[in-house]
Amino acid sequence: MSRRAAAIVLLILSILLIVARLRSYDEPPEWDIGTYQAIAREMLNGERLYADAWDVKPPGIFVTFATTQFFTGDGALPVYLLSVAMAIVTMFGVYSAASVAGRAAGMWAALFWAAMCFEPWTGGNLPNTEVFINACSAWAFAIWLRSRGTELSWRRAAAIGLLFAVASLYKQVAIVIPTCIGVAFLGTAVRATLARHAAKLFAAAAIVVLIWSAVLAYFAATGRGWLAWQTFFVAPRAYSGSMIGNLAASILPQNMVSKYLIFALPAMALTIIGAFGGERAAPRRAWALFAGLVVGTHLAVALPGQFHGHYYQLWFVPLAIGAGWGAAALPKRVGARRTGLAYAVGLLALLAMIVPQASWYALSGREWARRKYGDFFIAAQDSFRAVDRMLPKDETFYTWSDEAYAYALIHRRPPATALWKMHTTTGPLADWLTRRTLADLQKNPPAMIILYGEPPGPTEHPILEWTRQHYELMPDERREYFPLTLYVRRK
């Protein structure tokens, strides 16, 4: 395939990704996306990240959403643009990485990426932290693979370090991916070059440390040093629990080959064929680095310990590249007379991955949300919209629940620092967040406080006690506004 033909195919795939994502354009914000949008709006209104609006994620995702919302405003547009842009950027990175085995391999990898990247059950159509990590990983891996021979230049090492530093600003655990690739890289080096390779990897790691030091210095200079340290390092450790326990859980069948990856079994099969089926399309060194990518991806999914569906998006990059190499190797293995059969196998693998997703594209964005999260999610969304119609435009509400998407859904600003109830009840910052949130509520009492369910718990929590002292149940709230319980200020 010529370079021009490859460029045309990539352009067509980019257009297809733009069009495909339109179908779920108006999907209501869910928990993570809604939190990013709400905090981004607070930042644009002059509030301080973490001190005035808190979430456990590092700053990369909030800065990205704030930058995008600065130009587009709130709503579905910034979510759509970030989703599509990252899908296309990552596709080009996947193509570049897989192309070390030839343009045909790159094309196959791009096709497999396009077939996987918006997978609905993993939330692939939404710009969660994983889509940004995937973009950084795909391009860093491509830079690593495309170094001359076995030599990694200082410039490429710096680029790799920068990309993974950015990835870690979206989710700290992303740093295990380059660590594992680096171990595999050193394993491919001959003794004469080992010290030189180690020095370059050290330089890449130094860039990560330097960027994180700059981030911490910024928060310290703005009076948020302790809070940043707690948010970046202490709270995530408490959230994840035992790393050894998480790694042990990760090898259970339901986590190793998760239900979220069943649709990608054809890509897994092609990857295995490419790696172990005889003559390889990609160089042996590329497969060695790929093994590091696979191990790093497994650890990045496992270490947080929650095994949420969106975590498994991290597998899309190695699966697309591996399947691309496997599909490119098939014609060589079946022989010149059966080349058509080899291409048919690749196309059938693509089709087998696309068909399970096809029914989603007959649904509206609201029905995407219903299928993924259930009726209770839609009921909560409708209840918050009803709240919006009840409240005057200049009034606020506070929801002591984990439904932080409410603020993004109805475009109202949160009046207090803690957006998630769970953050005020568990974790090392629970007491600080409770005190800070109560101070915010006492200073500017909202017109309404919304709880999830009745009775909510824990029953002796200070925020709940304050609510019941100063607010009263809205009449008939449970009949009309399930699953929410509405409280209004006492007169």
Foldseek 3Di string as FASTA:
>chain_A
DDPVVLVVLLVVLLVVLLVLLVQLLQFADFQQRLLLLQLLVVVVVPDDELLFADDLAFCLSNVQNNVQCVPVPFHRVSFQVLLSVLLSLLLVLLLLLLCLLPNQLSSQLSLLSSLPQCQLLLNSSTPALLSLLSSLVSNLNSLCNPDPDLDRDLVSLQSNLVSQLSSCSRPVLSVLLVVLLLVLSLVPDDPVCNVVSVVSNVVSVVSSVVVVVVVLVVCVVVVCNVSNCCSSPFFLPQQQDDQVVLVVVCPPPCNVCNPLCPLLVLLVVLLCCQVPVPDWSHDPSSVSSLVSNVVSLSSSQRRSRPNRSNSCSSVSSSSSSSNSRSLVCQDVVVDVVCNVVSVVSSVVSSVSSNVVRVVCSVDHSHVSCCVNPNPQVVLQLVLLVVVLVVDDPPFDEAELASRLSSCSSSVHHHQFHYSHNVCLVDGPCNVVRLVRRVVSCVVPPTQKYKYFAPPDDPPPRPVNVVQVVFWDWDPPCCVRRPRMTMTGGDD
